[in-house]
Amino acid sequence: MEQNGNVVKKTVAAGSKSERPAVMLQTDDGDYVLRIQGGNAFHDPRLEELVGKRIRARGELHGYTFLMDDWRVS
């Protein structure tokens, strides 16, 4: 599937033991934690470089996580 959106960094799971800053993809359908297939789940420098940009990403949606395998800055 493809998703278009803005890449931002914000806190997820606020108030829980899982609270952490995460790179997110904000789309018209909602906000998703963004991960790269095979990348580190907690810190991936490739994701950090995308913060503040608009992208078109291809991948799979798993709950509230979008696991992308390809993307393009638009």
N, C-alpha and C. Protein backbone atom coordinates (compact mmCIF):
# COMPACT_ATOMS: atom_id res chain seq x y z
N MET A 1 0.84 -1.17 0.00
CA MET A 1 0.00 0.00 0.00
C MET A 1 0.88 1.23 0.00
N GLU A 2 0.33 2.35 -0.46
CA GLU A 2 1.06 3.61 -0.46
C GLU A 2 0.37 4.61 0.45
N GLN A 3 1.19 5.40 1.12
CA GLN A 3 0.70 6.48 1.98
C GLN A 3 1.49 7.75 1.66
N ASN A 4 0.80 8.86 1.64
CA ASN A 4 1.43 10.17 1.48
C ASN A 4 1.25 10.93 2.77
N GLY A 5 2.30 11.65 3.19
CA GLY A 5 2.13 12.44 4.39
C GLY A 5 3.39 13.17 4.80
N ASN A 6 3.26 13.88 5.92
CA ASN A 6 4.36 14.63 6.49
C ASN A 6 5.02 13.81 7.59
N VAL A 7 6.34 13.86 7.62
CA VAL A 7 7.10 13.13 8.64
C VAL A 7 7.40 14.09 9.78
N VAL A 8 7.00 13.71 10.99
CA VAL A 8 7.19 14.53 12.18
C VAL A 8 7.76 13.66 13.29
N LYS A 9 8.25 14.30 14.33
CA LYS A 9 8.71 13.55 15.51
C LYS A 9 7.88 14.03 16.69
N LYS A 10 7.24 13.09 17.38
CA LYS A 10 6.45 13.45 18.55
C LYS A 10 6.39 12.28 19.52
N THR A 11 5.89 12.56 20.71
CA THR A 11 5.81 11.55 21.76
C THR A 11 4.63 10.62 21.51
N VAL A 12 4.87 9.32 21.66
CA VAL A 12 3.80 8.32 21.57
C VAL A 12 3.68 7.61 22.91
N ALA A 13 2.51 7.05 23.15
CA ALA A 13 2.21 6.30 24.38
C ALA A 13 2.46 7.14 25.63
N ALA A 14 2.07 8.40 25.58
CA ALA A 14 2.30 9.31 26.71
C ALA A 14 1.70 8.75 28.00
N GLY A 15 2.46 8.86 29.07
CA GLY A 15 2.00 8.42 30.38
C GLY A 15 2.16 6.94 30.66
N SER A 16 2.65 6.18 29.69
CA SER A 16 2.83 4.74 29.91
C SER A 16 4.32 4.40 29.99
N LYS A 17 4.63 3.16 30.33
CA LYS A 17 6.02 2.72 30.35
C LYS A 17 6.63 2.73 28.95
N SER A 18 5.78 2.75 27.93
CA SER A 18 6.25 2.73 26.55
C SER A 18 6.42 4.14 25.96
N GLU A 19 6.22 5.18 26.78
CA GLU A 19 6.33 6.54 26.27
C GLU A 19 7.72 6.77 25.68
N ARG A 20 7.73 7.37 24.47
CA ARG A 20 9.00 7.63 23.80
C ARG A 20 8.77 8.60 22.64
N PRO A 21 9.83 9.29 22.23
CA PRO A 21 9.72 10.08 21.01
C PRO A 21 9.77 9.14 19.81
N ALA A 22 8.96 9.40 18.82
CA ALA A 22 8.93 8.52 17.64
C ALA A 22 8.77 9.34 16.38
N VAL A 23 9.33 8.84 15.30
CA VAL A 23 9.12 9.45 13.99
C VAL A 23 7.77 8.95 13.50
N MET A 24 6.92 9.89 13.09
CA MET A 24 5.54 9.57 12.71
C MET A 24 5.27 10.04 11.29
N LEU A 25 4.35 9.35 10.62
CA LEU A 25 3.86 9.77 9.32
C LEU A 25 2.43 10.27 9.52
N GLN A 26 2.22 11.57 9.27
CA GLN A 26 0.89 12.17 9.41
C GLN A 26 0.22 12.13 8.04
N THR A 27 -0.90 11.39 7.95
CA THR A 27 -1.63 11.26 6.68
C THR A 27 -3.05 11.76 6.88
N ASP A 28 -3.81 11.80 5.80
CA ASP A 28 -5.22 12.17 5.89
C ASP A 28 -6.00 11.11 6.66
N ASP A 29 -5.50 9.88 6.68
CA ASP A 29 -6.19 8.77 7.36
C ASP A 29 -5.82 8.66 8.83
N GLY A 30 -4.77 9.35 9.27
CA GLY A 30 -4.32 9.28 10.66
C GLY A 30 -2.81 9.36 10.76
N ASP A 31 -2.33 9.25 11.99
CA ASP A 31 -0.90 9.30 12.26
C ASP A 31 -0.39 7.90 12.57
N TYR A 32 0.76 7.57 11.99
CA TYR A 32 1.33 6.23 12.17
C TYR A 32 2.79 6.33 12.59
N VAL A 33 3.20 5.46 13.51
CA VAL A 33 4.63 5.33 13.81
C VAL A 33 5.29 4.80 12.56
N LEU A 34 6.37 5.45 12.16
CA LEU A 34 7.03 5.12 10.91
C LEU A 34 8.28 4.28 11.19
N ARG A 35 8.40 3.17 10.49
CA ARG A 35 9.58 2.31 10.59
C ARG A 35 10.01 1.90 9.20
N ILE A 36 11.29 1.58 9.08
CA ILE A 36 11.83 1.06 7.84
C ILE A 36 12.03 -0.43 7.99
N GLN A 37 11.55 -1.18 7.01
CA GLN A 37 11.71 -2.65 7.01
C GLN A 37 13.16 -3.00 7.30
N GLY A 38 13.39 -3.77 8.36
CA GLY A 38 14.74 -4.20 8.73
C GLY A 38 15.52 -3.18 9.54
N GLY A 39 14.93 -2.00 9.77
CA GLY A 39 15.63 -0.95 10.53
C GLY A 39 15.42 -1.08 12.02
N ASN A 40 16.18 -0.32 12.77
CA ASN A 40 16.07 -0.30 14.22
C ASN A 40 14.71 0.29 14.62
N ALA A 41 14.03 -0.37 15.51
CA ALA A 41 12.68 0.06 15.91
C ALA A 41 12.68 1.31 16.78
N PHE A 42 13.80 1.64 17.42
CA PHE A 42 13.82 2.77 18.35
C PHE A 42 14.62 3.97 17.85
N HIS A 43 15.60 3.75 16.99
CA HIS A 43 16.36 4.87 16.44
C HIS A 43 16.96 4.47 15.10
N ASP A 44 16.49 5.13 14.05
CA ASP A 44 17.00 4.85 12.71
C ASP A 44 17.38 6.19 12.08
N PRO A 45 18.68 6.43 11.86
CA PRO A 45 19.12 7.71 11.30
C PRO A 45 18.46 8.05 9.96
N ARG A 46 18.09 7.04 9.19
CA ARG A 46 17.43 7.30 7.90
C ARG A 46 16.07 7.95 8.12
N LEU A 47 15.37 7.55 9.19
CA LEU A 47 14.08 8.17 9.50
C LEU A 47 14.28 9.60 10.01
N GLU A 48 15.30 9.80 10.83
CA GLU A 48 15.57 11.14 11.37
C GLU A 48 15.78 12.15 10.24
N GLU A 49 16.40 11.72 9.14
CA GLU A 49 16.65 12.61 7.99
C GLU A 49 15.36 13.02 7.29
N LEU A 50 14.28 12.25 7.48
CA LEU A 50 13.01 12.54 6.82
C LEU A 50 12.12 13.50 7.61
N VAL A 51 12.45 13.74 8.89
CA VAL A 51 11.63 14.62 9.73
C VAL A 51 11.57 16.00 9.08
N GLY A 52 10.35 16.52 8.96
CA GLY A 52 10.12 17.82 8.36
C GLY A 52 9.86 17.78 6.86
N LYS A 53 9.87 16.58 6.29
CA LYS A 53 9.65 16.45 4.85
C LYS A 53 8.32 15.76 4.57
N ARG A 54 7.83 15.93 3.37
CA ARG A 54 6.64 15.23 2.89
C ARG A 54 7.12 14.08 2.03
N ILE A 55 6.56 12.88 2.27
CA ILE A 55 7.00 11.70 1.52
C ILE A 55 5.82 10.92 0.95
N ARG A 56 6.12 10.11 -0.03
CA ARG A 56 5.22 9.07 -0.52
C ARG A 56 5.92 7.76 -0.17
N ALA A 57 5.28 6.97 0.67
CA ALA A 57 5.90 5.74 1.17
C ALA A 57 5.11 4.52 0.74
N ARG A 58 5.83 3.45 0.47
CA ARG A 58 5.19 2.17 0.14
C ARG A 58 5.57 1.18 1.22
N GLY A 59 4.59 0.42 1.70
CA GLY A 59 4.85 -0.55 2.75
C GLY A 59 3.58 -1.20 3.24
N GLU A 60 3.62 -1.64 4.49
CA GLU A 60 2.49 -2.35 5.10
C GLU A 60 2.09 -1.67 6.40
N LEU A 61 0.80 -1.62 6.63
CA LEU A 61 0.27 -1.06 7.86
C LEU A 61 0.03 -2.19 8.86
N HIS A 62 0.61 -2.05 10.05
CA HIS A 62 0.44 -3.03 11.13
C HIS A 62 -0.06 -2.27 12.36
N GLY A 63 -1.37 -2.25 12.55
CA GLY A 63 -1.94 -1.49 13.66
C GLY A 63 -1.69 -0.01 13.45
N TYR A 64 -0.94 0.60 14.37
CA TYR A 64 -0.63 2.03 14.24
C TYR A 64 0.81 2.25 13.74
N THR A 65 1.45 1.22 13.20
CA THR A 65 2.80 1.32 12.66
C THR A 65 2.78 1.12 11.16
N PHE A 66 3.42 2.05 10.43
CA PHE A 66 3.57 1.89 8.99
C PHE A 66 5.00 1.44 8.74
N LEU A 67 5.14 0.21 8.28
CA LEU A 67 6.45 -0.41 8.02
C LEU A 67 6.75 -0.23 6.54
N MET A 68 7.63 0.73 6.23
CA MET A 68 7.85 1.04 4.81
C MET A 68 9.08 0.33 4.27
N ASP A 69 8.98 -0.02 2.99
CA ASP A 69 10.11 -0.65 2.32
C ASP A 69 10.67 0.24 1.22
N ASP A 70 9.95 1.31 0.87
CA ASP A 70 10.43 2.24 -0.14
C ASP A 70 9.74 3.59 0.09
N TRP A 71 10.42 4.68 -0.22
CA TRP A 71 9.84 6.01 -0.06
C TRP A 71 10.51 6.98 -1.00
N ARG A 72 9.79 8.09 -1.19
CA ARG A 72 10.30 9.16 -2.05
C ARG A 72 9.85 10.48 -1.43
N VAL A 73 10.79 11.41 -1.32
CA VAL A 73 10.46 12.75 -0.83
C VAL A 73 9.70 13.45 -1.95
N SER A 74 8.54 14.02 -1.59
CA SER A 74 7.74 14.70 -2.62
C SER A 74 7.67 16.18 -2.40
